[in-house]
Amino acid sequence: MAVDAGADALGFVFYEKSPRAAQMDAVREIVSVLGRAIETVGVFVDEKPGRMFSMATQLGLRAVQWHCTNLLQRIPEDSMKERRSLGATCTDLKVYLVFPATGFTWVPSGTRSGWAGIFLDSSTAGQPGGTGRTFDWGKAKSLVSAMSQDVNVIVAGGLTPSNVAEAIRVLRPYGVDVASGVEAKPGKKDPAKVRAFIDAVRETDNQA
């Protein structure tokens, strides 16, 4: 349904505390049907890099999205060594990091990052994502602008069909990410909301 609606990527959550937690067999089946037509992303929270990349490879995913506690204090460059040690099967995996949208600054280096992108999300101590809350886009505008000089920025957190156009106009991100904002209930997507969200994104892009 999401692919038919025009989604560019699908995320599969491997976090047991999430109402969206996915089962490996189901993910494997979905990915096998989709093939390489769309970016499939495994979403992990505080997972060891070796296990994360191994799972993603087994399932045929194209990317991982890594929520890592205290990531801002220790960007895990060593994880890339682990990634390379897994062999050629992992070399095509994209790696997205997730940062909280507040509490840090970014000084552009002038050099594009090796990461596929960084998600800016509204997170809490007990919930690393999927909070359904927006962050202050006006205050984050300069941060996103600075980050975008080095890395693709994907905005998440509280986005819905009715507010995503404004988020794009204010922040001009590389991409947007949605979960709770297109659900009928936690863990259950609403097809009409999914289509409305993607339509709003496409319309805003066409106006740019």
Protein backbone atom coordinates (compact mmCIF):
# COMPACT_ATOMS: atom_id res chain seq x y z
CA MET A 1 0.00 0.00 0.00
CA ALA A 2 2.75 2.45 0.90
CA VAL A 3 4.68 1.63 -2.26
CA ASP A 4 1.58 2.05 -4.40
CA ALA A 5 1.01 5.42 -2.73
CA GLY A 6 4.47 6.55 -3.85
CA ALA A 7 6.72 6.04 -0.83
CA ASP A 8 10.47 6.14 -1.55
CA ALA A 9 11.44 3.96 1.42
CA LEU A 10 9.93 1.60 3.98
CA GLY A 11 11.20 1.19 7.53
CA PHE A 12 11.00 -2.06 9.49
CA VAL A 13 11.31 -1.56 13.25
CA PHE A 14 13.43 -4.06 15.18
CA TYR A 15 12.78 -2.68 18.67
CA GLU A 16 10.74 -4.91 20.94
CA LYS A 17 9.22 -2.05 22.95
CA SER A 18 7.73 -0.42 19.86
CA PRO A 19 4.09 -1.06 18.86
CA ARG A 20 5.50 -1.27 15.32
CA ALA A 21 7.98 -4.05 16.10
CA ALA A 22 8.41 -6.26 13.03
CA GLN A 23 8.88 -10.01 12.80
CA MET A 24 11.85 -11.20 10.75
CA ASP A 25 9.88 -13.74 8.72
CA ALA A 26 7.31 -11.13 7.73
CA VAL A 27 10.01 -8.63 6.79
CA ARG A 28 11.87 -11.22 4.74
CA GLU A 29 8.68 -12.01 2.81
CA ILE A 30 7.89 -8.34 2.14
CA VAL A 31 11.43 -7.55 1.04
CA SER A 32 11.50 -10.51 -1.32
CA VAL A 33 8.36 -9.20 -3.04
CA LEU A 34 9.63 -5.62 -3.26
CA GLY A 35 13.05 -6.56 -4.59
CA ARG A 36 15.26 -3.55 -5.28
CA ALA A 37 12.46 -1.28 -6.41
CA ILE A 38 12.37 0.64 -3.13
CA GLU A 39 14.75 1.40 -0.27
CA THR A 40 14.08 -0.97 2.62
CA VAL A 41 15.45 0.14 5.98
CA GLY A 42 15.94 -1.75 9.23
CA VAL A 43 15.34 0.49 12.27
CA PHE A 44 17.46 -0.46 15.30
CA VAL A 45 17.82 0.95 18.83
CA ASP A 46 21.11 0.53 20.72
CA GLU A 47 21.92 -2.58 18.70
CA LYS A 48 25.47 -3.86 18.34
CA PRO A 49 26.74 -2.94 14.85
CA GLY A 50 27.78 -6.48 13.96
CA ARG A 51 24.37 -7.96 14.75
CA MET A 52 22.56 -5.05 13.11
CA PHE A 53 24.43 -5.39 9.82
CA SER A 54 24.13 -9.16 9.92
CA MET A 55 20.34 -9.01 10.35
CA ALA A 56 19.99 -6.43 7.60
CA THR A 57 22.02 -8.54 5.22
CA GLN A 58 20.10 -11.72 6.01
CA LEU A 59 16.82 -9.95 5.30
CA GLY A 60 18.01 -8.31 2.10
CA LEU A 61 17.54 -4.78 3.42
CA ARG A 62 19.24 -1.90 1.68
CA ALA A 63 19.89 0.33 4.69
CA VAL A 64 19.88 0.59 8.48
CA GLN A 65 18.63 3.42 10.66
CA TRP A 66 20.49 3.44 13.96
CA HIS A 67 19.13 5.01 17.15
CA CYS A 68 22.11 4.93 19.50
CA THR A 69 21.91 6.36 23.01
CA ASN A 70 24.38 9.19 23.59
CA LEU A 71 25.33 9.10 19.93
CA LEU A 72 26.24 12.78 19.98
CA GLN A 73 28.87 12.10 22.62
CA ARG A 74 30.55 9.32 20.65
CA ILE A 75 29.91 9.10 16.94
CA PRO A 76 30.61 5.38 16.37
CA GLU A 77 33.23 5.55 13.64
CA ASP A 78 34.50 2.19 14.87
CA SER A 79 31.19 0.69 13.77
CA MET A 80 32.25 1.22 10.19
CA LYS A 81 35.25 -1.05 10.82
CA GLU A 82 32.85 -3.73 12.04
CA ARG A 83 30.73 -3.15 8.98
CA ARG A 84 33.69 -3.68 6.65
CA SER A 85 34.74 -6.80 8.56
CA LEU A 86 31.44 -8.46 7.69
CA GLY A 87 32.61 -8.78 4.10
CA ALA A 88 31.39 -7.77 0.71
CA THR A 89 27.78 -8.65 1.49
CA CYS A 90 27.50 -5.52 3.64
CA THR A 91 29.33 -3.02 1.50
CA ASP A 92 26.14 -1.81 -0.19
CA LEU A 93 24.25 -1.10 3.02
CA LYS A 94 23.47 2.53 3.66
CA VAL A 95 23.75 3.76 7.24
CA TYR A 96 21.47 6.44 8.66
CA LEU A 97 22.03 7.85 12.14
CA VAL A 98 19.34 9.36 14.37
CA PHE A 99 19.90 12.49 16.43
CA PRO A 100 17.51 14.29 18.80
CA ALA A 101 16.46 17.55 17.20
CA THR A 102 17.59 19.71 20.11
CA GLY A 103 20.57 20.06 22.40
CA PHE A 104 23.48 20.27 19.99
CA THR A 105 25.12 22.46 17.37
CA TRP A 106 26.68 21.61 14.04
CA VAL A 107 29.70 23.31 12.49
CA PRO A 108 29.90 22.49 8.76
CA SER A 109 33.15 20.79 7.80
CA GLY A 110 32.83 21.39 4.07
CA THR A 111 33.25 17.67 3.47
CA ARG A 112 30.33 15.38 2.73
CA SER A 113 29.80 12.75 5.42
CA GLY A 114 30.12 9.06 4.67
CA TRP A 115 26.74 8.45 6.33
CA ALA A 116 23.71 8.10 4.06
CA GLY A 117 21.90 10.65 6.18
CA ILE A 118 20.95 11.83 9.65
CA PHE A 119 17.40 11.73 10.98
CA LEU A 120 16.38 14.59 13.27
CA ASP A 121 13.64 13.26 15.53
CA SER A 122 11.64 14.19 18.60
CA SER A 123 12.75 11.72 21.22
CA THR A 124 12.36 11.27 24.97
CA ALA A 125 14.39 9.37 27.54
CA GLY A 126 11.96 6.47 27.37
CA GLN A 127 11.02 6.64 23.71
CA PRO A 128 13.76 7.02 21.07
CA GLY A 129 11.31 7.72 18.25
CA GLY A 130 7.68 7.50 17.23
CA THR A 131 6.63 10.01 19.87
CA GLY A 132 4.11 11.74 17.62
CA ARG A 133 5.52 15.11 18.70
CA THR A 134 7.01 17.81 16.53
CA PHE A 135 10.07 19.83 17.45
CA ASP A 136 10.43 23.60 16.98
CA TRP A 137 11.09 23.89 13.24
CA GLY A 138 11.83 27.61 13.42
CA LYS A 139 14.57 27.11 16.00
CA ALA A 140 15.96 24.13 14.09
CA LYS A 141 16.10 25.90 10.72
CA SER A 142 19.70 27.08 11.06
CA LEU A 143 20.78 23.68 12.41
CA VAL A 144 19.28 21.83 9.43
CA SER A 145 20.87 24.33 7.05
CA ALA A 146 24.31 23.80 8.61
CA MET A 147 23.98 20.02 8.69
CA SER A 148 22.80 19.88 5.09
CA GLN A 149 26.18 21.17 3.94
CA ASP A 150 27.76 17.91 5.15
CA VAL A 151 25.02 15.27 5.16
CA ASN A 152 21.49 14.51 3.98
CA VAL A 153 19.00 15.51 6.69
CA ILE A 154 15.71 13.68 7.12
CA VAL A 155 13.12 15.30 9.37
CA ALA A 156 10.93 13.14 11.61
CA GLY A 157 8.77 13.59 14.67
CA GLY A 158 5.07 14.41 14.71
CA LEU A 159 4.66 14.85 10.97
CA THR A 160 1.16 14.41 9.54
CA PRO A 161 -0.60 15.01 6.21
CA SER A 162 -1.67 18.43 7.47
CA ASN A 163 1.71 19.75 8.68
CA VAL A 164 4.37 18.07 6.52
CA ALA A 165 4.18 20.76 3.83
CA GLU A 166 5.00 23.45 6.38
CA ALA A 167 7.89 21.41 7.76
CA ILE A 168 9.35 21.10 4.27
CA ARG A 169 8.91 24.81 3.52
CA VAL A 170 10.63 25.84 6.77
CA LEU A 171 13.45 23.29 6.93
CA ARG A 172 14.08 22.29 3.28
CA PRO A 173 15.26 18.80 4.29
CA TYR A 174 16.50 16.03 2.05
CA GLY A 175 13.58 13.88 3.16
CA VAL A 176 10.78 13.41 5.66
CA ASP A 177 9.86 10.38 7.76
CA VAL A 178 6.49 9.42 9.21
CA ALA A 179 5.08 6.67 11.43
CA SER A 180 2.44 7.61 14.01
CA GLY A 181 1.16 10.51 11.90
CA VAL A 182 -0.36 8.13 9.34
CA GLU A 183 -1.78 5.51 11.69
CA ALA A 184 -5.33 4.52 12.60
CA LYS A 185 -3.90 3.26 15.91
CA PRO A 186 -0.36 2.53 17.14
CA GLY A 187 1.22 0.05 14.76
CA LYS A 188 -1.65 0.07 12.24
CA LYS A 189 -1.32 2.31 9.20
CA ASP A 190 -4.31 4.17 7.72
CA PRO A 191 -4.16 3.91 3.90
CA ALA A 192 -5.96 7.23 3.38
CA LYS A 193 -3.53 9.05 5.69
CA VAL A 194 -0.52 7.44 4.01
CA ARG A 195 -1.69 8.60 0.59
CA ALA A 196 -2.57 12.08 1.87
CA PHE A 197 0.88 12.43 3.44
CA ILE A 198 2.75 11.41 0.30
CA ASP A 199 0.51 13.58 -1.88
CA ALA A 200 1.26 16.58 0.36
CA VAL A 201 5.00 15.94 0.07
CA ARG A 202 4.88 15.63 -3.73
CA GLU A 203 2.76 18.75 -4.09
CA THR A 204 5.16 20.76 -1.94
CA ASP A 205 8.14 19.47 -3.92
CA ASN A 206 6.47 20.51 -7.18
CA GLN A 207 5.93 24.02 -5.83
CA ALA A 208 9.60 24.43 -4.86
